């Protein structure tokens, strides 16, 4: 898995980085990368376009990054493929990768929660543990503007109050979302300019959970 880096920097790539940098500064998500003692940012890395773009952009902006990947063992060989992709990407980028194998179905049964909720809880527990053990400054997740629109629509469907209409916060404790002001198309354009590939989760194309229904039926 090789990637090519455009040189000189294209306008698309430069604009993407400037918008992410402006979001970080405006919402005080992280200390400046140029500070004397910059903290380590843990990037939640699934191998999909969004998280790969986040990692590449944070590195280009000068942040010291590590990555974390959870294998939920829900998609057989595809899940193992994703883990291998993340491992190889981090090796090429010189980024330390933390990995965890999750018994998602077992957790779902034990705690009487949906598979989707089980994966979410396992993922964020892993992030919290790493942040505490490694003394990390923040955990960066790759939610973007389109994800935020989906969240607001879902909240409306569920009968949200005013708080739910606000969507995702830019910062929640040590969880930060530097990509909230860019769209999915912006992300794909940025990766194309870098010549960077990514993996695709086939379950995202199946309208079997509420978020996928919103994405596939309402926002397209």
C-alpha atoms as a PDB file:
ATOM      1  CA  UNK A   1       0.000   0.000   0.000  1.00  0.00           C
ATOM      2  CA  UNK A   2       1.900   3.005  -1.290  1.00  0.00           C
ATOM      3  CA  UNK A   3       0.699   6.582  -1.342  1.00  0.00           C
ATOM      4  CA  UNK A   4       1.926   9.508  -3.365  1.00  0.00           C
ATOM      5  CA  UNK A   5       2.253  13.025  -2.002  1.00  0.00           C
ATOM      6  CA  UNK A   6       1.519  15.925  -4.315  1.00  0.00           C
ATOM      7  CA  UNK A   7       4.339  18.425  -4.698  1.00  0.00           C
ATOM      8  CA  UNK A   8       3.984  21.376  -4.818  1.00  0.00           C
ATOM      9  CA  UNK A   9       0.957  21.511  -2.507  1.00  0.00           C
ATOM     10  CA  UNK A  10      -2.288  21.837  -4.464  1.00  0.00           C
ATOM     11  CA  UNK A  11      -4.978  24.388  -3.614  1.00  0.00           C
ATOM     12  CA  UNK A  12      -7.392  21.610  -2.626  1.00  0.00           C
ATOM     13  CA  UNK A  13      -4.920  20.151  -0.168  1.00  0.00           C
ATOM     14  CA  UNK A  14      -3.905  23.558   1.181  1.00  0.00           C
ATOM     15  CA  UNK A  15      -7.531  24.666   1.643  1.00  0.00           C
ATOM     16  CA  UNK A  16      -8.420  21.461   3.478  1.00  0.00           C
ATOM     17  CA  UNK A  17      -5.512  21.840   5.877  1.00  0.00           C
ATOM     18  CA  UNK A  18      -6.263  25.519   6.493  1.00  0.00           C
ATOM     19  CA  UNK A  19      -9.892  24.777   7.324  1.00  0.00           C
ATOM     20  CA  UNK A  20      -8.962  22.022   9.771  1.00  0.00           C
ATOM     21  CA  UNK A  21      -6.285  24.221  11.349  1.00  0.00           C
ATOM     22  CA  UNK A  22      -8.790  27.080  11.704  1.00  0.00           C
ATOM     23  CA  UNK A  23     -11.310  24.751  13.395  1.00  0.00           C
ATOM     24  CA  UNK A  24      -8.678  23.579  15.878  1.00  0.00           C
ATOM     25  CA  UNK A  25      -7.713  27.172  16.710  1.00  0.00           C
ATOM     26  CA  UNK A  26     -11.234  28.619  16.827  1.00  0.00           C
ATOM     27  CA  UNK A  27     -12.529  25.960  19.217  1.00  0.00           C
ATOM     28  CA  UNK A  28      -9.289  25.542  21.219  1.00  0.00           C
ATOM     29  CA  UNK A  29      -9.197  21.825  20.485  1.00  0.00           C
ATOM     30  CA  UNK A  30      -5.431  21.399  20.875  1.00  0.00           C
ATOM     31  CA  UNK A  31      -2.319  23.264  21.830  1.00  0.00           C
ATOM     32  CA  UNK A  32      -0.551  24.663  18.766  1.00  0.00           C
ATOM     33  CA  UNK A  33       1.664  22.121  17.036  1.00  0.00           C
ATOM     34  CA  UNK A  34       4.455  24.707  17.174  1.00  0.00           C
ATOM     35  CA  UNK A  35       4.328  25.065  20.979  1.00  0.00           C
ATOM     36  CA  UNK A  36       7.414  24.176  22.991  1.00  0.00           C
ATOM     37  CA  UNK A  37       5.789  21.122  24.533  1.00  0.00           C
ATOM     38  CA  UNK A  38       3.072  19.900  22.142  1.00  0.00           C
ATOM     39  CA  UNK A  39       1.000  17.030  23.449  1.00  0.00           C
ATOM     40  CA  UNK A  40       0.462  13.711  21.718  1.00  0.00           C
ATOM     41  CA  UNK A  41      -2.836  13.405  19.847  1.00  0.00           C
ATOM     42  CA  UNK A  42      -4.410   9.963  19.615  1.00  0.00           C
ATOM     43  CA  UNK A  43      -6.208   9.553  16.280  1.00  0.00           C
ATOM     44  CA  UNK A  44      -9.048   7.027  16.174  1.00  0.00           C
ATOM     45  CA  UNK A  45      -8.170   5.078  13.024  1.00  0.00           C
ATOM     46  CA  UNK A  46     -10.633   2.695  11.377  1.00  0.00           C
ATOM     47  CA  UNK A  47      -8.944   2.646   7.974  1.00  0.00           C
ATOM     48  CA  UNK A  48     -11.869   4.402   6.316  1.00  0.00           C
ATOM     49  CA  UNK A  49     -11.537   7.624   4.349  1.00  0.00           C
ATOM     50  CA  UNK A  50     -12.496   9.936   7.223  1.00  0.00           C
ATOM     51  CA  UNK A  51     -10.034   8.641   9.802  1.00  0.00           C
ATOM     52  CA  UNK A  52      -7.221   8.239   7.268  1.00  0.00           C
ATOM     53  CA  UNK A  53      -7.691  11.859   6.165  1.00  0.00           C
ATOM     54  CA  UNK A  54      -7.690  12.983   9.796  1.00  0.00           C
ATOM     55  CA  UNK A  55      -4.411  11.211  10.527  1.00  0.00           C
ATOM     56  CA  UNK A  56      -2.716  12.467   7.354  1.00  0.00           C
ATOM     57  CA  UNK A  57      -3.908  16.048   7.941  1.00  0.00           C
ATOM     58  CA  UNK A  58      -2.893  16.141  11.611  1.00  0.00           C
ATOM     59  CA  UNK A  59       0.585  14.950  10.673  1.00  0.00           C
ATOM     60  CA  UNK A  60       0.835  17.506   7.857  1.00  0.00           C
ATOM     61  CA  UNK A  61      -0.139  20.241  10.312  1.00  0.00           C
ATOM     62  CA  UNK A  62       2.785  19.236  12.502  1.00  0.00           C
ATOM     63  CA  UNK A  63       1.012  17.447  15.357  1.00  0.00           C
ATOM     64  CA  UNK A  64       2.659  14.514  17.075  1.00  0.00           C
ATOM     65  CA  UNK A  65       0.214  11.653  16.620  1.00  0.00           C
ATOM     66  CA  UNK A  66      -0.390   8.107  17.670  1.00  0.00           C
ATOM     67  CA  UNK A  67      -3.284   5.998  16.394  1.00  0.00           C
ATOM     68  CA  UNK A  68      -5.744   3.519  17.864  1.00  0.00           C
ATOM     69  CA  UNK A  69      -7.626   0.786  16.028  1.00  0.00           C
ATOM     70  CA  UNK A  70     -10.325  -1.576  17.330  1.00  0.00           C
ATOM     71  CA  UNK A  71     -11.075  -4.855  15.592  1.00  0.00           C
ATOM     72  CA  UNK A  72     -14.682  -5.600  16.540  1.00  0.00           C
ATOM     73  CA  UNK A  73     -14.653  -8.986  14.743  1.00  0.00           C
ATOM     74  CA  UNK A  74     -18.075  -8.356  13.232  1.00  0.00           C
ATOM     75  CA  UNK A  75     -17.212  -8.525   9.525  1.00  0.00           C
ATOM     76  CA  UNK A  76     -14.934 -11.542   9.270  1.00  0.00           C
ATOM     77  CA  UNK A  77     -12.057 -11.156   6.823  1.00  0.00           C
ATOM     78  CA  UNK A  78     -13.047  -7.557   6.067  1.00  0.00           C
ATOM     79  CA  UNK A  79     -12.393  -6.562   9.692  1.00  0.00           C
ATOM     80  CA  UNK A  80      -8.977  -8.239   9.597  1.00  0.00           C
ATOM     81  CA  UNK A  81      -8.238  -6.472   6.310  1.00  0.00           C
ATOM     82  CA  UNK A  82      -8.986  -3.124   7.956  1.00  0.00           C
ATOM     83  CA  UNK A  83      -6.608  -3.874  10.822  1.00  0.00           C
ATOM     84  CA  UNK A  84      -3.837  -4.892   8.421  1.00  0.00           C
ATOM     85  CA  UNK A  85      -4.385  -1.711   6.398  1.00  0.00           C
ATOM     86  CA  UNK A  86      -4.088   0.483   9.505  1.00  0.00           C
ATOM     87  CA  UNK A  87      -0.968  -1.354  10.619  1.00  0.00           C
ATOM     88  CA  UNK A  88       0.730  -0.870   7.242  1.00  0.00           C
ATOM     89  CA  UNK A  89      -0.342   2.775   6.950  1.00  0.00           C
ATOM     90  CA  UNK A  90       1.064   3.596  10.387  1.00  0.00           C
ATOM     91  CA  UNK A  91       4.268   1.737   9.593  1.00  0.00           C
ATOM     92  CA  UNK A  92       4.758   3.833   6.457  1.00  0.00           C
ATOM     93  CA  UNK A  93       3.947   7.063   8.286  1.00  0.00           C
ATOM     94  CA  UNK A  94       6.098   6.252  11.314  1.00  0.00           C
ATOM     95  CA  UNK A  95       3.101   6.428  13.668  1.00  0.00           C
ATOM     96  CA  UNK A  96       2.723   4.239  16.745  1.00  0.00           C
ATOM     97  CA  UNK A  97      -0.440   2.146  16.477  1.00  0.00           C
ATOM     98  CA  UNK A  98      -2.389   0.814  19.471  1.00  0.00           C
ATOM     99  CA  UNK A  99      -4.629  -2.141  18.632  1.00  0.00           C
ATOM    100  CA  UNK A 100      -7.362  -3.939  20.525  1.00  0.00           C
ATOM    101  CA  UNK A 101      -9.375  -7.077  19.746  1.00  0.00           C
ATOM    102  CA  UNK A 102     -12.969  -6.736  20.959  1.00  0.00           C
ATOM    103  CA  UNK A 103     -15.549  -9.413  21.762  1.00  0.00           C
ATOM    104  CA  UNK A 104     -18.331  -7.121  20.614  1.00  0.00           C
ATOM    105  CA  UNK A 105     -21.088  -9.735  20.467  1.00  0.00           C
ATOM    106  CA  UNK A 106     -20.195 -11.018  23.925  1.00  0.00           C
ATOM    107  CA  UNK A 107     -20.234  -7.487  25.344  1.00  0.00           C
ATOM    108  CA  UNK A 108     -23.576  -6.817  23.669  1.00  0.00           C
ATOM    109  CA  UNK A 109     -25.115  -9.898  25.252  1.00  0.00           C
ATOM    110  CA  UNK A 110     -23.599  -9.326  28.691  1.00  0.00           C
ATOM    111  CA  UNK A 111     -24.597  -5.663  28.907  1.00  0.00           C
ATOM    112  CA  UNK A 112     -27.904  -6.031  27.024  1.00  0.00           C
ATOM    113  CA  UNK A 113     -27.094  -3.321  24.484  1.00  0.00           C
ATOM    114  CA  UNK A 114     -27.198  -3.277  20.693  1.00  0.00           C
ATOM    115  CA  UNK A 115     -24.163  -4.327  18.678  1.00  0.00           C
ATOM    116  CA  UNK A 116     -23.779  -0.719  17.546  1.00  0.00           C
ATOM    117  CA  UNK A 117     -23.800   0.562  21.147  1.00  0.00           C
ATOM    118  CA  UNK A 118     -21.457  -2.216  22.265  1.00  0.00           C
ATOM    119  CA  UNK A 119     -18.903  -1.230  19.623  1.00  0.00           C
ATOM    120  CA  UNK A 120     -19.188   2.424  20.617  1.00  0.00           C
ATOM    121  CA  UNK A 121     -18.685   1.719  24.325  1.00  0.00           C
ATOM    122  CA  UNK A 122     -15.746  -0.615  23.700  1.00  0.00           C
ATOM    123  CA  UNK A 123     -14.113   1.918  21.393  1.00  0.00           C
ATOM    124  CA  UNK A 124     -14.395   4.867  23.766  1.00  0.00           C
ATOM    125  CA  UNK A 125     -13.327   2.775  26.779  1.00  0.00           C
ATOM    126  CA  UNK A 126     -10.186   1.899  24.828  1.00  0.00           C
ATOM    127  CA  UNK A 127      -9.542   5.554  24.022  1.00  0.00           C
ATOM    128  CA  UNK A 128     -10.021   6.594  27.650  1.00  0.00           C
ATOM    129  CA  UNK A 129      -7.650   3.910  28.865  1.00  0.00           C
ATOM    130  CA  UNK A 130      -4.957   4.901  26.380  1.00  0.00           C
ATOM    131  CA  UNK A 131      -5.327   8.602  27.203  1.00  0.00           C
ATOM    132  CA  UNK A 132      -4.809   7.885  30.900  1.00  0.00           C
ATOM    133  CA  UNK A 133      -1.973   5.384  30.512  1.00  0.00           C
ATOM    134  CA  UNK A 134      -0.041   7.319  27.867  1.00  0.00           C
ATOM    135  CA  UNK A 135      -0.718  10.860  29.135  1.00  0.00           C
ATOM    136  CA  UNK A 136      -2.183  11.914  25.789  1.00  0.00           C
ATOM    137  CA  UNK A 137      -3.414  15.451  25.199  1.00  0.00           C
ATOM    138  CA  UNK A 138      -6.570  14.501  23.322  1.00  0.00           C
ATOM    139  CA  UNK A 139      -8.334  11.852  21.280  1.00  0.00           C
ATOM    140  CA  UNK A 140      -9.214  13.044  17.771  1.00  0.00           C
ATOM    141  CA  UNK A 141     -12.171  11.388  16.065  1.00  0.00           C
ATOM    142  CA  UNK A 142     -13.075  11.854  12.412  1.00  0.00           C
ATOM    143  CA  UNK A 143     -16.688  13.006  12.504  1.00  0.00           C
ATOM    144  CA  UNK A 144     -17.282  15.533   9.734  1.00  0.00           C
ATOM    145  CA  UNK A 145     -19.991  17.966   8.648  1.00  0.00           C
ATOM    146  CA  UNK A 146     -22.135  15.296   6.970  1.00  0.00           C
ATOM    147  CA  UNK A 147     -21.993  13.119  10.100  1.00  0.00           C
ATOM    148  CA  UNK A 148     -23.186  16.104  12.094  1.00  0.00           C
ATOM    149  CA  UNK A 149     -26.149  16.593   9.752  1.00  0.00           C
ATOM    150  CA  UNK A 150     -27.050  12.901  10.162  1.00  0.00           C
ATOM    151  CA  UNK A 151     -26.880  13.230  13.943  1.00  0.00           C
ATOM    152  CA  UNK A 152     -29.205  16.253  13.973  1.00  0.00           C
ATOM    153  CA  UNK A 153     -31.732  14.448  11.743  1.00  0.00           C
ATOM    154  CA  UNK A 154     -31.591  11.363  13.955  1.00  0.00           C
ATOM    155  CA  UNK A 155     -32.151  13.511  17.030  1.00  0.00           C
ATOM    156  CA  UNK A 156     -35.186  15.093  15.371  1.00  0.00           C
ATOM    157  CA  UNK A 157     -36.592  11.642  14.546  1.00  0.00           C
ATOM    158  CA  UNK A 158     -36.102  10.625  18.183  1.00  0.00           C
ATOM    159  CA  UNK A 159     -37.876  13.753  19.409  1.00  0.00           C
ATOM    160  CA  UNK A 160     -34.940  15.811  20.588  1.00  0.00           C
ATOM    161  CA  UNK A 161     -35.042  19.056  22.502  1.00  0.00           C
ATOM    162  CA  UNK A 162     -33.018  22.159  21.674  1.00  0.00           C
ATOM    163  CA  UNK A 163     -29.823  20.521  22.878  1.00  0.00           C
ATOM    164  CA  UNK A 164     -30.110  17.765  20.278  1.00  0.00           C
ATOM    165  CA  UNK A 165     -30.447  20.316  17.490  1.00  0.00           C
ATOM    166  CA  UNK A 166     -26.927  21.535  18.246  1.00  0.00           C
ATOM    167  CA  UNK A 167     -25.463  18.283  16.933  1.00  0.00           C
ATOM    168  CA  UNK A 168     -21.990  17.065  17.821  1.00  0.00           C
ATOM    169  CA  UNK A 169     -19.733  19.224  20.004  1.00  0.00           C
ATOM    170  CA  UNK A 170     -16.320  20.181  18.684  1.00  0.00           C
ATOM    171  CA  UNK A 171     -14.897  19.150  22.041  1.00  0.00           C
ATOM    172  CA  UNK A 172     -16.243  16.850  24.734  1.00  0.00           C
ATOM    173  CA  UNK A 173     -13.747  16.332  27.526  1.00  0.00           C
ATOM    174  CA  UNK A 174     -10.612  15.068  25.811  1.00  0.00           C
ATOM    175  CA  UNK A 175     -12.514  13.996  22.650  1.00  0.00           C
ATOM    176  CA  UNK A 176     -12.004  16.476  19.804  1.00  0.00           C
ATOM    177  CA  UNK A 177     -13.481  16.665  16.300  1.00  0.00           C
ATOM    178  CA  UNK A 178     -11.180  18.667  13.991  1.00  0.00           C
ATOM    179  CA  UNK A 179     -13.110  17.718  10.814  1.00  0.00           C
ATOM    180  CA  UNK A 180     -16.543  19.069  11.744  1.00  0.00           C
ATOM    181  CA  UNK A 181     -16.232  21.972   9.294  1.00  0.00           C
ATOM    182  CA  UNK A 182     -15.362  19.840   6.255  1.00  0.00           C
ATOM    183  CA  UNK A 183     -17.608  17.547   4.234  1.00  0.00           C
ATOM    184  CA  UNK A 184     -17.208  13.950   3.131  1.00  0.00           C
ATOM    185  CA  UNK A 185     -16.500  15.190  -0.400  1.00  0.00           C
ATOM    186  CA  UNK A 186     -13.799  17.516   0.925  1.00  0.00           C
ATOM    187  CA  UNK A 187     -12.204  14.513   2.603  1.00  0.00           C
ATOM    188  CA  UNK A 188     -12.280  12.413  -0.571  1.00  0.00           C
ATOM    189  CA  UNK A 189     -10.811  15.299  -2.591  1.00  0.00           C
ATOM    190  CA  UNK A 190      -7.993  15.716  -0.050  1.00  0.00           C
ATOM    191  CA  UNK A 191      -7.128  12.008  -0.134  1.00  0.00           C
ATOM    192  CA  UNK A 192      -7.182  12.021  -3.929  1.00  0.00           C
ATOM    193  CA  UNK A 193      -4.705  14.908  -3.976  1.00  0.00           C
ATOM    194  CA  UNK A 194      -2.422  12.915  -1.670  1.00  0.00           C
ATOM    195  CA  UNK A 195      -2.798   9.735  -3.707  1.00  0.00           C
ATOM    196  CA  UNK A 196      -3.834   8.056  -0.461  1.00  0.00           C
ATOM    197  CA  UNK A 197      -6.039   4.977  -0.473  1.00  0.00           C
ATOM    198  CA  UNK A 198      -8.364   3.725   2.267  1.00  0.00           C
ATOM    199  CA  UNK A 199     -10.710   0.844   3.040  1.00  0.00           C
ATOM    200  CA  UNK A 200     -14.505   0.772   2.805  1.00  0.00           C
ATOM    201  CA  UNK A 201     -16.833  -0.785   5.371  1.00  0.00           C
ATOM    202  CA  UNK A 202     -19.434  -2.662   3.298  1.00  0.00           C
ATOM    203  CA  UNK A 203     -22.003  -2.460   6.113  1.00  0.00           C
ATOM    204  CA  UNK A 204     -22.192   1.318   5.677  1.00  0.00           C
ATOM    205  CA  UNK A 205     -23.959   0.701   2.377  1.00  0.00           C
ATOM    206  CA  UNK A 206     -26.771  -1.333   3.941  1.00  0.00           C
ATOM    207  CA  UNK A 207     -29.816   0.519   5.328  1.00  0.00           C
ATOM    208  CA  UNK A 208     -30.183  -1.730   8.386  1.00  0.00           C
ATOM    209  CA  UNK A 209     -29.651   0.787  11.192  1.00  0.00           C
ATOM    210  CA  UNK A 210     -31.164   4.232  11.649  1.00  0.00           C
ATOM    211  CA  UNK A 211     -27.970   6.149  10.839  1.00  0.00           C
ATOM    212  CA  UNK A 212     -27.493   4.266   7.575  1.00  0.00           C
ATOM    213  CA  UNK A 213     -31.121   4.884   6.629  1.00  0.00           C
ATOM    214  CA  UNK A 214     -30.614   8.624   7.181  1.00  0.00           C
ATOM    215  CA  UNK A 215     -27.384   8.598   5.168  1.00  0.00           C
ATOM    216  CA  UNK A 216     -28.592   6.436   2.287  1.00  0.00           C
ATOM    217  CA  UNK A 217     -32.245   7.464   2.017  1.00  0.00           C
ATOM    218  CA  UNK A 218     -32.480  11.062   3.236  1.00  0.00           C
ATOM    219  CA  UNK A 219     -29.139  12.759   2.624  1.00  0.00           C
ATOM    220  CA  UNK A 220     -28.423  11.479  -0.862  1.00  0.00           C
END
